[in-house]
Amino acid sequence: MIPTGASIDASTERAELPSRTWRIDFEKGRAGGMTNGLEAVRQAVYKILQTERFKYLIYSSDYGCELRSLVGRSPSAIPMEAERMLKEALGQDERIEGIEGIETVVRGDQAVITFTVVTSHGSFSSTWEVMT
């Protein structure tokens, strides 16, 4: 005999993963305590941009950025390439919903990139310098 009358609700919602992680003091090179939310995403952005993509086997090929490869590029090509590389690197983090207001200023052998990171926890602005 096959039971009848019970039904299964097939609808599912995607649960957001927690962003709680160790707080890292990059100046002292120490980890201590925990951080969560926007501060955890800010730390993740810093780590992603500090990590050269494809260099470390411990990270997947999707992790890190290629901004250091801008060295020697034509100054006119740097803003467009920097924007592409930035969006590609940070777009791997599910908590990041978008990168807005990207501005790249090339001065001599340095490019200064300013941008706003939009996350599920809020937004924050960041500035990144790259030697060209």
Foldseek 3Di string as FASTA:
>chain_A
DDDDDDDDDPDDDDDDDWLKDWDADVVVRDTDDIDGFPVSLVVQLVVQAVDDAPPDPVDDNQGHFPLQVCQPPDPVCNQVVVVVRSCSRSVVDPQWPDKDDWDWDDDPQKIKIKIKTQGPRGIDIDIDMYGD
